[in-house]
Protein backbone atom coordinates (compact mmCIF):
# COMPACT_ATOMS: atom_id res chain seq x y z
CA MET A 1 39.40 -2.65 1.25
CA LYS A 2 37.09 -2.25 -1.76
CA ARG A 3 34.56 -4.59 -0.17
CA LEU A 4 34.56 -2.55 3.02
CA ALA A 5 34.02 0.68 1.08
CA LEU A 6 31.20 -0.93 -0.92
CA LEU A 7 29.57 -2.23 2.27
CA ALA A 8 29.86 1.17 3.93
CA THR A 9 28.37 2.91 0.89
CA LEU A 10 25.49 0.43 0.73
CA SER A 11 24.82 0.80 4.46
CA VAL A 12 24.73 4.59 4.29
CA THR A 13 22.45 4.45 1.23
CA LEU A 14 20.01 2.14 3.01
CA LEU A 15 19.98 4.40 6.07
CA LEU A 16 19.27 7.50 3.96
CA LEU A 17 16.42 5.90 2.02
CA PRO A 18 13.78 4.91 4.57
CA GLY A 19 11.57 2.11 3.39
CA CYS A 20 13.74 1.06 0.46
CA VAL A 21 13.77 -2.57 1.66
CA TYR A 22 10.18 -2.77 2.90
CA PHE A 23 7.45 -0.30 3.72
CA ASN A 24 3.78 -0.54 4.57
CA VAL A 25 2.15 2.84 5.13
CA ARG A 26 -1.48 3.88 5.58
CA GLN A 27 -2.59 7.51 5.34
CA PRO A 28 -5.99 9.19 5.32
CA LEU A 29 -7.43 10.65 2.12
CA ASP A 30 -9.52 13.09 4.13
CA THR A 31 -8.64 16.68 4.94
CA ASN A 32 -11.31 17.25 7.60
CA LEU A 33 -10.24 14.58 10.09
CA ASP A 34 -11.81 16.17 13.15
CA ALA A 35 -15.30 15.69 11.65
CA THR A 36 -14.84 12.19 10.23
CA GLN A 37 -17.64 9.67 10.70
CA LEU A 38 -16.67 6.24 9.41
CA GLY A 39 -20.11 4.72 8.83
CA SER A 40 -21.18 1.12 9.26
CA LYS A 41 -19.53 -0.47 6.20
CA ARG A 42 -15.98 -0.93 4.93
CA GLY A 43 -14.82 -1.72 1.41
CA GLN A 44 -11.43 -1.99 -0.21
CA SER A 45 -9.85 -2.27 -3.62
CA GLU A 46 -6.28 -2.89 -4.65
CA ALA A 47 -3.80 -2.98 -7.48
CA MET A 48 -0.42 -4.72 -7.56
CA ALA A 49 2.78 -4.45 -9.55
CA VAL A 50 5.81 -6.69 -10.01
CA LEU A 51 9.24 -5.36 -10.96
CA GLY A 52 7.63 -2.15 -12.14
CA LEU A 53 6.89 -4.00 -15.39
CA VAL A 54 3.54 -5.70 -14.82
CA ALA A 55 0.62 -4.18 -12.95
CA TRP A 56 -2.99 -5.24 -12.46
CA GLY A 57 -6.05 -4.40 -10.40
CA ASP A 58 -8.30 -1.45 -9.64
CA ALA A 59 -7.42 0.52 -6.53
CA GLY A 60 -10.04 3.17 -7.20
CA THR A 61 -12.51 4.63 -4.76
CA GLN A 62 -15.50 3.46 -6.79
CA ALA A 63 -14.27 -0.15 -6.83
CA ALA A 64 -13.70 -0.04 -3.06
CA ALA A 65 -17.20 1.32 -2.44
CA GLU A 66 -18.76 -1.33 -4.69
CA ASN A 67 -16.80 -4.10 -2.93
CA GLY A 68 -18.16 -2.93 0.43
CA GLY A 69 -21.71 -2.25 -0.71
CA ILE A 70 -21.27 1.44 0.11
CA THR A 71 -23.41 4.10 -1.56
CA THR A 72 -22.31 7.06 0.61
CA ILE A 73 -18.55 7.34 1.26
CA ARG A 74 -17.70 9.08 4.53
CA HIS A 75 -13.93 8.50 4.74
CA ALA A 76 -11.12 6.90 2.74
CA ASP A 77 -7.62 5.68 3.51
CA GLN A 78 -4.79 4.79 1.16
CA GLU A 79 -2.37 1.99 2.01
CA ASN A 80 0.83 1.37 0.07
CA MET A 81 3.22 -1.54 0.53
CA ALA A 82 6.43 -2.30 -1.35
CA ILE A 83 9.25 -4.81 -1.09
CA LEU A 84 12.68 -3.73 -2.34
CA GLY A 85 11.25 -0.69 -4.03
CA ILE A 86 9.88 -2.16 -7.23
CA LEU A 87 10.20 -5.92 -6.66
CA PHE A 88 6.58 -6.09 -5.48
CA ALA A 89 4.15 -3.27 -4.71
CA ARG A 90 0.53 -3.14 -3.56
CA TYR A 91 -1.71 -0.06 -3.64
CA ARG A 92 -4.93 -0.30 -1.62
CA THR A 93 -7.85 2.07 -1.15
CA ILE A 94 -10.08 1.56 1.88
CA VAL A 95 -13.40 3.39 2.11
CA TYR A 96 -15.86 3.68 4.99
CA GLY A 97 -19.50 4.67 4.78
CA ASP A 98 -23.09 3.52 4.54
């Protein structure tokens, strides 16, 4: 009976916390989406973390622009991915421009 209650509690918890097992979400970092021009180049930068204890990388806009050879940024997206919450996480910035 205790196992059934534990399983039910775990199931309800997982249903109430979307993305707690895995999520991969991309959202724009632009507020004027109806006037967005992407440009001819794309660059990205990223940072990663393991167990919430160790993190490395540069997910900044400047690093993304440098990686894509972009001098004028026209649009940016942010992409976040995580497995089991803090087991592994990746933070990525994607910029578009010329």
